[in-house]
N, C-alpha and C. Protein backbone atom coordinates (compact mmCIF):
# COMPACT_ATOMS: atom_id res chain seq x y z
N MET A 1 -3.87 19.32 0.23
CA MET A 1 -4.25 20.00 1.45
C MET A 1 -3.36 19.70 2.56
N SER A 2 -2.02 19.36 2.31
CA SER A 2 -1.36 18.70 3.41
C SER A 2 0.06 19.22 3.27
N GLY A 3 0.74 19.62 4.15
CA GLY A 3 1.96 20.15 4.48
C GLY A 3 2.12 20.98 5.40
N GLY A 4 2.98 22.29 5.05
CA GLY A 4 3.27 23.19 6.19
C GLY A 4 2.34 24.47 6.17
N ASP A 5 1.54 24.46 4.93
CA ASP A 5 0.49 25.86 5.33
C ASP A 5 -0.56 25.74 5.70
N PRO A 6 -0.73 26.35 7.07
CA PRO A 6 -1.77 26.07 7.94
C PRO A 6 -3.07 26.52 7.46
N LEU A 7 -3.44 27.52 6.21
CA LEU A 7 -4.62 27.82 5.68
C LEU A 7 -5.64 26.39 5.58
N PRO A 8 -5.17 25.63 4.48
CA PRO A 8 -6.34 24.50 4.12
C PRO A 8 -6.63 23.81 5.58
N LYS A 9 -5.73 23.80 6.76
CA LYS A 9 -6.49 23.35 7.57
C LYS A 9 -7.26 23.94 8.42
N ALA A 10 -7.15 25.46 8.48
CA ALA A 10 -8.00 26.22 8.88
C ALA A 10 -9.48 26.50 8.15
N ILE A 11 -8.98 26.03 6.81
CA ILE A 11 -10.43 26.23 5.97
C ILE A 11 -11.41 25.01 6.14
N ALA A 12 -10.65 23.90 6.49
CA ALA A 12 -11.41 22.38 6.55
C ALA A 12 -11.95 22.75 8.00
N THR A 13 -11.04 23.25 9.02
CA THR A 13 -11.70 23.40 10.51
C THR A 13 -13.02 24.29 10.53
N THR A 14 -13.08 25.52 9.87
CA THR A 14 -13.98 26.11 9.54
C THR A 14 -15.06 25.49 8.92
N TYR A 15 -15.14 24.95 7.83
CA TYR A 15 -15.83 24.06 7.25
C TYR A 15 -16.82 23.01 8.07
N ASP A 16 -15.75 22.49 8.56
CA ASP A 16 -16.54 21.30 9.75
C ASP A 16 -17.19 22.09 10.63
N ASN A 17 -17.09 22.86 11.22
CA ASN A 17 -17.78 23.86 12.29
C ASN A 17 -18.88 24.65 11.71
N ALA A 18 -19.29 24.18 10.41
CA ALA A 18 -20.43 24.80 10.30
C ALA A 18 -20.24 26.43 9.64
N GLY A 19 -18.85 26.70 9.61
CA GLY A 19 -18.60 28.42 9.41
C GLY A 19 -18.32 28.50 8.02
N LEU A 20 -18.73 27.55 6.81
CA LEU A 20 -18.65 27.61 5.40
C LEU A 20 -19.51 27.32 4.75
N THR A 21 -20.16 27.73 3.59
CA THR A 21 -21.24 26.85 2.92
C THR A 21 -20.25 25.83 1.89
N VAL A 22 -20.90 24.76 1.36
CA VAL A 22 -20.15 23.98 0.40
C VAL A 22 -19.82 24.90 -0.75
N ASP A 23 -20.62 25.91 -1.30
CA ASP A 23 -20.19 27.02 -2.32
C ASP A 23 -18.84 27.28 -1.82
N GLN A 24 -18.84 28.27 -0.81
CA GLN A 24 -17.63 29.04 -0.20
C GLN A 24 -16.62 27.84 -0.01
N LEU A 25 -16.70 26.60 0.27
CA LEU A 25 -15.40 25.65 0.53
C LEU A 25 -15.14 25.38 -0.90
N THR A 26 -15.92 25.16 -2.03
CA THR A 26 -15.32 25.10 -3.22
C THR A 26 -14.47 26.29 -3.94
N VAL A 27 -14.78 27.28 -3.58
CA VAL A 27 -14.42 28.65 -4.23
C VAL A 27 -12.74 28.55 -3.39
N LEU A 28 -12.80 28.09 -2.11
CA LEU A 28 -11.27 28.15 -1.28
C LEU A 28 -10.30 27.39 -1.55
N VAL A 29 -10.85 25.94 -1.82
CA VAL A 29 -9.80 25.00 -1.95
C VAL A 29 -9.83 24.20 -3.40
N GLY A 30 -10.98 24.35 -4.29
CA GLY A 30 -11.26 23.72 -5.46
C GLY A 30 -12.43 22.89 -4.97
N ALA A 31 -12.98 22.25 -6.58
CA ALA A 31 -14.18 21.24 -6.33
C ALA A 31 -13.30 19.83 -6.01
N LYS A 32 -12.29 19.41 -6.19
CA LYS A 32 -11.74 18.30 -5.50
C LYS A 32 -11.41 18.04 -4.22
N SER A 33 -10.86 19.08 -3.89
CA SER A 33 -10.49 19.04 -2.20
C SER A 33 -11.63 19.22 -1.40
N ALA A 34 -13.05 20.18 -2.10
CA ALA A 34 -14.23 20.49 -1.41
C ALA A 34 -14.93 19.13 -1.26
N LYS A 35 -14.91 18.03 -2.40
CA LYS A 35 -15.60 16.93 -2.43
C LYS A 35 -14.72 15.79 -1.38
N ARG A 36 -13.91 15.91 -1.17
CA ARG A 36 -12.98 15.04 -0.36
C ARG A 36 -13.39 15.47 1.18
N LEU A 37 -13.55 16.91 1.43
CA LEU A 37 -13.92 17.31 2.85
C LEU A 37 -15.42 17.13 2.93
N ARG A 38 -16.30 17.32 2.14
CA ARG A 38 -17.73 17.19 2.29
C ARG A 38 -18.07 15.49 2.30
N LEU A 39 -17.22 14.48 1.92
CA LEU A 39 -17.14 12.97 2.18
C LEU A 39 -16.25 12.76 3.72
N LEU A 40 -15.69 13.20 3.73
CA LEU A 40 -14.94 13.11 5.04
C LEU A 40 -15.97 13.27 6.18
N LYS A 41 -16.51 14.44 6.02
CA LYS A 41 -17.60 15.23 7.33
C LYS A 41 -18.78 14.27 7.29
N ALA A 42 -19.35 13.96 6.19
CA ALA A 42 -20.40 13.04 6.11
C ALA A 42 -19.94 11.97 6.85
N ASP A 43 -18.79 11.28 6.67
CA ASP A 43 -18.47 10.01 7.50
C ASP A 43 -18.45 10.08 8.52
N LEU A 44 -17.85 11.10 8.96
CA LEU A 44 -17.28 11.53 10.54
C LEU A 44 -18.79 11.68 11.35
N GLU A 45 -19.61 11.96 10.47
CA GLU A 45 -20.88 12.36 11.27
C GLU A 45 -21.66 10.99 11.29
N ASP A 46 -21.63 9.96 10.41
CA ASP A 46 -22.13 8.61 10.71
C ASP A 46 -21.81 8.16 12.03
N GLU A 47 -22.94 7.14 12.07
CA GLU A 47 -22.76 6.30 13.44
C GLU A 47 -21.76 5.31 13.10
N PRO A 48 -20.81 4.98 14.32
CA PRO A 48 -20.00 4.01 14.01
C PRO A 48 -20.48 2.74 13.79
N LEU A 49 -19.61 2.00 12.90
CA LEU A 49 -20.16 0.46 12.36
C LEU A 49 -20.21 -0.27 13.76
N ASP A 50 -21.05 -1.38 13.87
CA ASP A 50 -21.12 -2.10 14.82
C ASP A 50 -20.50 -3.63 14.52
N LEU A 51 -19.50 -3.83 14.52
CA LEU A 51 -18.91 -4.92 14.04
C LEU A 51 -18.51 -5.85 15.08
N ALA A 52 -18.70 -7.13 14.82
CA ALA A 52 -18.51 -7.94 15.72
C ALA A 52 -16.91 -8.34 15.91
N ALA A 53 -16.81 -8.73 17.17
CA ALA A 53 -15.21 -9.23 17.40
C ALA A 53 -14.79 -10.05 16.44
N PRO A 54 -13.50 -9.98 15.85
CA PRO A 54 -13.19 -10.95 14.97
C PRO A 54 -12.75 -12.28 15.15
N ASN A 55 -13.06 -13.32 14.60
CA ASN A 55 -12.63 -14.53 14.98
C ASN A 55 -11.42 -14.83 15.23
N ASP A 56 -11.05 -15.83 15.96
CA ASP A 56 -9.50 -16.14 16.31
C ASP A 56 -8.84 -16.95 15.16
N VAL A 57 -8.97 -16.76 13.96
CA VAL A 57 -8.87 -17.68 12.78
C VAL A 57 -7.87 -17.17 12.00
N ASP A 58 -6.56 -18.18 11.55
CA ASP A 58 -5.32 -18.09 10.95
C ASP A 58 -5.78 -17.91 9.25
N ILE A 59 -6.00 -16.92 8.86
CA ILE A 59 -6.36 -17.07 7.31
C ILE A 59 -5.41 -17.30 6.70
N TYR A 60 -4.32 -17.42 6.94
CA TYR A 60 -2.87 -17.60 6.17
C TYR A 60 -2.53 -19.24 6.64
N ARG A 61 -3.17 -19.79 7.18
CA ARG A 61 -2.71 -21.43 7.82
C ARG A 61 -2.19 -22.13 6.38
N GLU A 62 -2.82 -22.01 5.67
CA GLU A 62 -2.40 -22.95 4.31
C GLU A 62 -1.61 -22.58 3.44
N ASN A 63 -1.52 -21.17 3.31
CA ASN A 63 -0.74 -20.49 1.97
C ASN A 63 0.36 -19.78 2.59
N LYS A 64 1.35 -19.95 2.39
CA LYS A 64 2.67 -19.46 3.37
C LYS A 64 3.60 -18.72 2.11
N ALA A 65 2.80 -18.28 0.96
CA ALA A 65 3.69 -17.83 -0.02
C ALA A 65 3.17 -16.25 0.16
N SER A 66 4.45 -15.29 -0.14
CA SER A 66 4.08 -14.14 0.02
C SER A 66 4.25 -13.25 -1.40
N ALA A 67 4.35 -11.95 -1.09
CA ALA A 67 4.21 -11.03 -2.73
C ALA A 67 5.61 -11.12 -2.96
N SER A 68 6.69 -11.30 -2.55
CA SER A 68 7.88 -11.51 -3.25
C SER A 68 8.61 -12.88 -3.72
N GLY A 69 7.41 -13.73 -3.66
CA GLY A 69 8.02 -15.11 -4.19
C GLY A 69 8.37 -16.14 -3.17
N LEU A 70 8.75 -15.70 -2.02
CA LEU A 70 9.38 -16.42 -0.93
C LEU A 70 8.53 -16.88 -0.18
N ASP A 71 8.82 -18.12 0.77
CA ASP A 71 7.95 -18.34 1.90
C ASP A 71 8.78 -17.59 3.09
N PRO A 72 8.02 -17.88 4.20
CA PRO A 72 8.40 -17.11 5.44
C PRO A 72 9.92 -17.55 6.03
N GLU A 73 10.38 -18.83 5.30
CA GLU A 73 11.78 -19.36 5.90
C GLU A 73 12.78 -18.66 4.69
N GLY A 74 12.48 -17.88 3.91
CA GLY A 74 13.27 -17.42 2.76
C GLY A 74 13.55 -18.42 1.69
N GLU A 75 12.46 -19.61 1.54
CA GLU A 75 13.02 -20.44 0.45
C GLU A 75 12.32 -20.05 -0.91
N ALA A 76 12.85 -20.40 -2.37
CA ALA A 76 11.86 -19.74 -3.09
C ALA A 76 10.64 -20.70 -3.41
N ASP A 77 9.23 -20.01 -3.47
CA ASP A 77 8.00 -20.95 -3.96
C ASP A 77 8.23 -21.61 -5.13
N THR A 78 7.69 -23.08 -5.08
CA THR A 78 7.58 -23.82 -6.16
C THR A 78 6.16 -23.94 -6.71
């Protein structure tokens, strides 16, 4: 449902504004996209999570290995 076609965006907006039923949405965009839109709408309607501010902790303090197998200075990990 991405790209240059404005129709999917219009359908999603109409569903979000309660202009379409779930059955109508499923017919228009298919079951997989309809499920994604239903989950997204439910997620957006939930209250935001009340998360505490992160601690100022360097979680990588001891481990300088990278996914490429090189440490930050470009040397091979041993």
